[in-house]
Amino acid sequence: MLGTVAGALLLTLLTALLAAWNMSEGVRQIMLGLLIIALLLAYARERRS
C-alpha cells in the first residue's frame, strides 16, 4: 500500500511540475506515460530476481 501512495504522490507532483513549467497537455501525457512504463519495467525486473 505504501508503494501505491508513493506512486500517486509522484504522479501528482510530476503533473504539477509540468503544468508549472507550461508544458502542453500532450507533453504532460507523454511524460506520465513514459514514467508509468519505466516503473512497470522496474517492477517486472524486481519480481524476476
Protein backbone atom coordinates (compact mmCIF):
# COMPACT_ATOMS: atom_id res chain seq x y z
CA MET A 1 0.00 0.00 0.00
CA LEU A 2 2.87 2.37 0.72
CA GLY A 3 4.08 1.96 -2.86
CA THR A 4 0.64 2.90 -4.17
CA VAL A 5 0.55 6.08 -2.12
CA ALA A 6 4.11 6.98 -3.13
CA GLY A 7 3.29 6.38 -6.79
CA ALA A 8 0.19 8.55 -6.61
CA LEU A 9 2.17 11.34 -4.96
CA LEU A 10 4.92 11.05 -7.58
CA LEU A 11 2.43 11.29 -10.46
CA THR A 12 0.68 14.25 -8.83
CA LEU A 13 4.00 16.03 -8.24
CA LEU A 14 5.14 15.43 -11.80
CA THR A 15 1.82 16.69 -13.18
CA ALA A 16 2.05 19.85 -11.07
CA LEU A 17 5.65 20.49 -12.12
CA LEU A 18 4.92 20.03 -15.80
CA ALA A 19 1.93 22.38 -15.51
CA ALA A 20 4.07 24.96 -13.69
CA TRP A 21 6.65 24.77 -16.49
CA ASN A 22 3.86 25.50 -19.02
CA MET A 23 4.23 22.19 -20.82
CA SER A 24 1.42 21.37 -23.21
CA GLU A 25 -1.12 18.71 -22.30
CA GLY A 26 0.30 16.38 -24.95
CA VAL A 27 3.81 16.60 -23.49
CA ARG A 28 2.43 16.01 -19.99
CA GLN A 29 0.62 12.87 -21.11
CA ILE A 30 3.71 11.56 -22.89
CA MET A 31 5.90 12.18 -19.82
CA LEU A 32 3.42 10.47 -17.50
CA GLY A 33 3.11 7.53 -19.88
CA LEU A 34 6.89 7.14 -20.08
CA LEU A 35 7.15 7.28 -16.29
CA ILE A 36 4.48 4.60 -15.86
CA ILE A 37 6.19 2.34 -18.42
CA ALA A 38 9.57 2.83 -16.71
CA LEU A 39 8.10 1.99 -13.30
CA LEU A 40 6.37 -1.11 -14.67
CA LEU A 41 9.63 -2.30 -16.24
CA ALA A 42 11.48 -1.74 -12.96
CA TYR A 43 8.78 -3.63 -11.07
CA ALA A 44 8.91 -6.54 -13.52
CA ARG A 45 12.71 -6.72 -13.28
CA GLU A 46 12.49 -6.72 -9.46
CA ARG A 47 9.97 -9.58 -9.44
CA ARG A 48 12.20 -11.77 -11.64
CA SER A 49 15.15 -11.67 -9.27
